[in-house]
Amino acid sequence: MTPAKSPQTMKPATAAQKLGIYLPATPESFQAEPVSREQLNRMIADPPEWLVELRKSGPHPRPVVAHKLGVSNAGLTRGEVTEPLTTDEISALLQQPPAWLVRERATHAEVNEENARVKAVKAYKRSQREEAGRA
């Protein structure tokens, strides 16, 4: 007989990261116990009210703030944004962007364009090698 498998669990911080939420803003019950893979999948499929509200209004973790503002995590640091922001705070920054945000969004867009260009060049070279291999 094989022993019963114990469910796969993760730390609350890992679960919060996978859910895209800020751990200190979650209920104490979420922070106190490990989260099983099954529980995480249930939260993703049918989020509890607190999770819906947290995703809607925040506070949001750095990666989510950076994504919503259209900058990198490093751009947030350069802009001296060190604390989690709420959806309202993010909206206010987008409506009246400070100079650092305008600069970081432009930098982020340039980096994304360069990454796309490099990816296209690599794909072209790969297709050329494949064609040469068939000949």
C-alpha atoms as a PDB file:
ATOM      1  CA  MET A   1       0.000   0.000   0.000  1.00  0.00           C
ATOM      2  CA  THR A   2       1.192   3.480  -0.768  1.00  0.00           C
ATOM      3  CA  PRO A   3       0.798   6.145   1.874  1.00  0.00           C
ATOM      4  CA  ALA A   4      -1.825   8.801   1.258  1.00  0.00           C
ATOM      5  CA  LYS A   5      -0.365  11.820  -0.463  1.00  0.00           C
ATOM      6  CA  SER A   6      -0.492  15.020   1.513  1.00  0.00           C
ATOM      7  CA  PRO A   7      -1.891  17.993  -0.377  1.00  0.00           C
ATOM      8  CA  GLN A   8       0.593  20.339  -1.968  1.00  0.00           C
ATOM      9  CA  THR A   9       0.681  23.576   0.036  1.00  0.00           C
ATOM     10  CA  MET A  10       2.365  26.948  -0.272  1.00  0.00           C
ATOM     11  CA  LYS A  11       3.111  29.827   2.024  1.00  0.00           C
ATOM     12  CA  PRO A  12       0.489  32.596   2.123  1.00  0.00           C
ATOM     13  CA  ALA A  13       3.044  34.972   0.535  1.00  0.00           C
ATOM     14  CA  THR A  14       3.400  32.643  -2.452  1.00  0.00           C
ATOM     15  CA  ALA A  15      -0.369  32.295  -2.793  1.00  0.00           C
ATOM     16  CA  ALA A  16      -0.774  36.083  -2.594  1.00  0.00           C
ATOM     17  CA  GLN A  17       1.830  36.511  -5.312  1.00  0.00           C
ATOM     18  CA  LYS A  18       0.045  33.987  -7.545  1.00  0.00           C
ATOM     19  CA  LEU A  19      -3.254  35.810  -6.934  1.00  0.00           C
ATOM     20  CA  GLY A  20      -1.639  39.206  -7.632  1.00  0.00           C
ATOM     21  CA  ILE A  21      -2.612  40.676  -4.255  1.00  0.00           C
ATOM     22  CA  TYR A  22      -0.829  42.487  -1.425  1.00  0.00           C
ATOM     23  CA  LEU A  23      -0.444  40.017   1.465  1.00  0.00           C
ATOM     24  CA  PRO A  24      -0.715  42.479   4.407  1.00  0.00           C
ATOM     25  CA  ALA A  25      -4.111  43.596   3.055  1.00  0.00           C
ATOM     26  CA  THR A  26      -5.535  40.059   3.142  1.00  0.00           C
ATOM     27  CA  PRO A  27      -7.625  38.704   6.028  1.00  0.00           C
ATOM     28  CA  GLU A  28      -5.717  37.265   8.992  1.00  0.00           C
ATOM     29  CA  SER A  29      -7.157  33.826   8.243  1.00  0.00           C
ATOM     30  CA  PHE A  30      -5.453  33.875   4.823  1.00  0.00           C
ATOM     31  CA  GLN A  31      -2.117  35.018   6.271  1.00  0.00           C
ATOM     32  CA  ALA A  32      -2.066  32.499   9.123  1.00  0.00           C
ATOM     33  CA  GLU A  33      -2.239  29.131   7.349  1.00  0.00           C
ATOM     34  CA  PRO A  34      -0.560  27.507   4.353  1.00  0.00           C
ATOM     35  CA  VAL A  35      -2.727  27.451   1.221  1.00  0.00           C
ATOM     36  CA  SER A  36      -3.253  24.208  -0.650  1.00  0.00           C
ATOM     37  CA  ARG A  37      -3.156  24.051  -4.431  1.00  0.00           C
ATOM     38  CA  GLU A  38      -6.841  23.080  -4.333  1.00  0.00           C
ATOM     39  CA  GLN A  39      -7.735  26.132  -2.221  1.00  0.00           C
ATOM     40  CA  LEU A  40      -5.784  28.392  -4.576  1.00  0.00           C
ATOM     41  CA  ASN A  41      -7.557  26.953  -7.620  1.00  0.00           C
ATOM     42  CA  ARG A  42     -10.934  27.478  -5.915  1.00  0.00           C
ATOM     43  CA  MET A  43     -10.016  31.109  -5.153  1.00  0.00           C
ATOM     44  CA  ILE A  44      -9.041  31.651  -8.766  1.00  0.00           C
ATOM     45  CA  ALA A  45     -12.197  30.012 -10.137  1.00  0.00           C
ATOM     46  CA  ASP A  46     -14.616  31.496  -7.597  1.00  0.00           C
ATOM     47  CA  PRO A  47     -12.921  34.330  -5.695  1.00  0.00           C
ATOM     48  CA  PRO A  48     -14.260  35.170  -2.238  1.00  0.00           C
ATOM     49  CA  GLU A  49     -15.695  38.665  -1.722  1.00  0.00           C
ATOM     50  CA  TRP A  50     -12.574  39.956   0.061  1.00  0.00           C
ATOM     51  CA  LEU A  51     -10.410  38.900  -2.901  1.00  0.00           C
ATOM     52  CA  VAL A  52     -12.715  40.559  -5.424  1.00  0.00           C
ATOM     53  CA  GLU A  53     -12.677  43.787  -3.400  1.00  0.00           C
ATOM     54  CA  LEU A  54      -8.904  43.679  -2.880  1.00  0.00           C
ATOM     55  CA  ARG A  55      -8.254  43.198  -6.593  1.00  0.00           C
ATOM     56  CA  LYS A  56     -10.681  45.991  -7.405  1.00  0.00           C
ATOM     57  CA  SER A  57      -9.543  48.686  -4.991  1.00  0.00           C
ATOM     58  CA  GLY A  58      -6.208  47.579  -3.575  1.00  0.00           C
ATOM     59  CA  PRO A  59      -3.779  48.219  -2.097  1.00  0.00           C
ATOM     60  CA  HIS A  60      -1.905  46.549  -4.919  1.00  0.00           C
ATOM     61  CA  PRO A  61       1.579  44.938  -4.849  1.00  0.00           C
ATOM     62  CA  ARG A  62       4.462  46.506  -6.773  1.00  0.00           C
ATOM     63  CA  PRO A  63       4.173  44.363  -9.935  1.00  0.00           C
ATOM     64  CA  VAL A  64       0.478  45.212 -10.258  1.00  0.00           C
ATOM     65  CA  VAL A  65       1.116  48.924  -9.633  1.00  0.00           C
ATOM     66  CA  ALA A  66       3.916  48.919 -12.211  1.00  0.00           C
ATOM     67  CA  HIS A  67       1.701  47.177 -14.773  1.00  0.00           C
ATOM     68  CA  LYS A  68      -1.231  49.537 -14.196  1.00  0.00           C
ATOM     69  CA  LEU A  69       1.055  52.570 -14.522  1.00  0.00           C
ATOM     70  CA  GLY A  70       2.822  51.153 -17.592  1.00  0.00           C
ATOM     71  CA  VAL A  71       6.304  51.207 -16.050  1.00  0.00           C
ATOM     72  CA  SER A  72       8.826  48.694 -14.747  1.00  0.00           C
ATOM     73  CA  ASN A  73       9.374  47.834 -11.090  1.00  0.00           C
ATOM     74  CA  ALA A  74      12.693  49.676 -11.337  1.00  0.00           C
ATOM     75  CA  GLY A  75      10.791  52.670 -12.704  1.00  0.00           C
ATOM     76  CA  LEU A  76       8.662  52.699  -9.574  1.00  0.00           C
ATOM     77  CA  THR A  77      11.826  52.760  -7.489  1.00  0.00           C
ATOM     78  CA  ARG A  78      13.296  55.597  -9.542  1.00  0.00           C
ATOM     79  CA  GLY A  79       9.989  57.437  -9.070  1.00  0.00           C
ATOM     80  CA  GLU A  80      10.339  56.827  -5.327  1.00  0.00           C
ATOM     81  CA  VAL A  81       7.102  54.829  -5.132  1.00  0.00           C
ATOM     82  CA  THR A  82       7.877  52.480  -2.264  1.00  0.00           C
ATOM     83  CA  GLU A  83       4.452  51.846  -0.756  1.00  0.00           C
ATOM     84  CA  PRO A  84       1.568  49.839  -2.255  1.00  0.00           C
ATOM     85  CA  LEU A  85      -0.993  52.019  -4.022  1.00  0.00           C
ATOM     86  CA  THR A  86      -4.762  51.786  -4.187  1.00  0.00           C
ATOM     87  CA  THR A  87      -6.708  51.884  -7.427  1.00  0.00           C
ATOM     88  CA  ASP A  88      -7.752  55.483  -6.668  1.00  0.00           C
ATOM     89  CA  GLU A  89      -4.127  56.541  -6.130  1.00  0.00           C
ATOM     90  CA  ILE A  90      -3.098  54.868  -9.391  1.00  0.00           C
ATOM     91  CA  SER A  91      -5.962  56.595 -11.239  1.00  0.00           C
ATOM     92  CA  ALA A  92      -4.922  59.967  -9.804  1.00  0.00           C
ATOM     93  CA  LEU A  93      -1.346  59.432 -11.018  1.00  0.00           C
ATOM     94  CA  LEU A  94      -2.591  58.498 -14.494  1.00  0.00           C
ATOM     95  CA  GLN A  95      -4.916  61.507 -14.706  1.00  0.00           C
ATOM     96  CA  GLN A  96      -2.210  63.987 -13.743  1.00  0.00           C
ATOM     97  CA  PRO A  97       1.083  62.170 -14.361  1.00  0.00           C
ATOM     98  CA  PRO A  98       4.134  63.614 -12.619  1.00  0.00           C
ATOM     99  CA  ALA A  99       7.310  64.118 -14.659  1.00  0.00           C
ATOM    100  CA  TRP A 100       8.889  60.874 -13.402  1.00  0.00           C
ATOM    101  CA  LEU A 101       5.881  58.845 -14.591  1.00  0.00           C
ATOM    102  CA  VAL A 102       5.915  60.395 -18.061  1.00  0.00           C
ATOM    103  CA  ARG A 103       9.655  59.701 -18.334  1.00  0.00           C
ATOM    104  CA  GLU A 104       9.383  56.115 -17.047  1.00  0.00           C
ATOM    105  CA  ARG A 105       6.447  55.277 -19.327  1.00  0.00           C
ATOM    106  CA  ALA A 106       8.458  56.497 -22.328  1.00  0.00           C
ATOM    107  CA  THR A 107      11.490  54.467 -21.214  1.00  0.00           C
ATOM    108  CA  HIS A 108       9.343  51.377 -20.661  1.00  0.00           C
ATOM    109  CA  ALA A 109       7.786  51.741 -24.130  1.00  0.00           C
ATOM    110  CA  GLU A 110      11.247  52.051 -25.723  1.00  0.00           C
ATOM    111  CA  VAL A 111      12.464  48.937 -23.917  1.00  0.00           C
ATOM    112  CA  ASN A 112       9.387  46.982 -25.033  1.00  0.00           C
ATOM    113  CA  GLU A 113       9.901  48.103 -28.651  1.00  0.00           C
ATOM    114  CA  GLU A 114      13.561  47.064 -28.540  1.00  0.00           C
ATOM    115  CA  ASN A 115      12.673  43.677 -27.049  1.00  0.00           C
ATOM    116  CA  ALA A 116      10.106  43.126 -29.811  1.00  0.00           C
ATOM    117  CA  ARG A 117      12.685  44.089 -32.461  1.00  0.00           C
ATOM    118  CA  VAL A 118      15.279  41.678 -31.024  1.00  0.00           C
ATOM    119  CA  LYS A 119      12.695  38.903 -30.844  1.00  0.00           C
ATOM    120  CA  ALA A 120      11.735  39.469 -34.487  1.00  0.00           C
ATOM    121  CA  VAL A 121      15.391  39.393 -35.587  1.00  0.00           C
ATOM    122  CA  LYS A 122      15.964  36.141 -33.699  1.00  0.00           C
ATOM    123  CA  ALA A 123      12.848  34.592 -35.240  1.00  0.00           C
ATOM    124  CA  TYR A 124      13.995  35.647 -38.713  1.00  0.00           C
ATOM    125  CA  LYS A 125      17.472  34.175 -38.179  1.00  0.00           C
ATOM    126  CA  ARG A 126      15.967  30.959 -36.819  1.00  0.00           C
ATOM    127  CA  SER A 127      13.703  30.623 -39.872  1.00  0.00           C
ATOM    128  CA  GLN A 128      16.698  31.234 -42.164  1.00  0.00           C
ATOM    129  CA  ARG A 129      18.683  28.473 -40.427  1.00  0.00           C
ATOM    130  CA  GLU A 130      15.733  26.079 -40.711  1.00  0.00           C
ATOM    131  CA  GLU A 131      15.351  26.825 -44.415  1.00  0.00           C
ATOM    132  CA  ALA A 132      19.078  26.314 -44.970  1.00  0.00           C
ATOM    133  CA  GLY A 133      18.868  22.994 -43.096  1.00  0.00           C
ATOM    134  CA  ARG A 134      16.119  21.740 -45.402  1.00  0.00           C
ATOM    135  CA  ALA A 135      18.011  22.641 -48.587  1.00  0.00           C
END
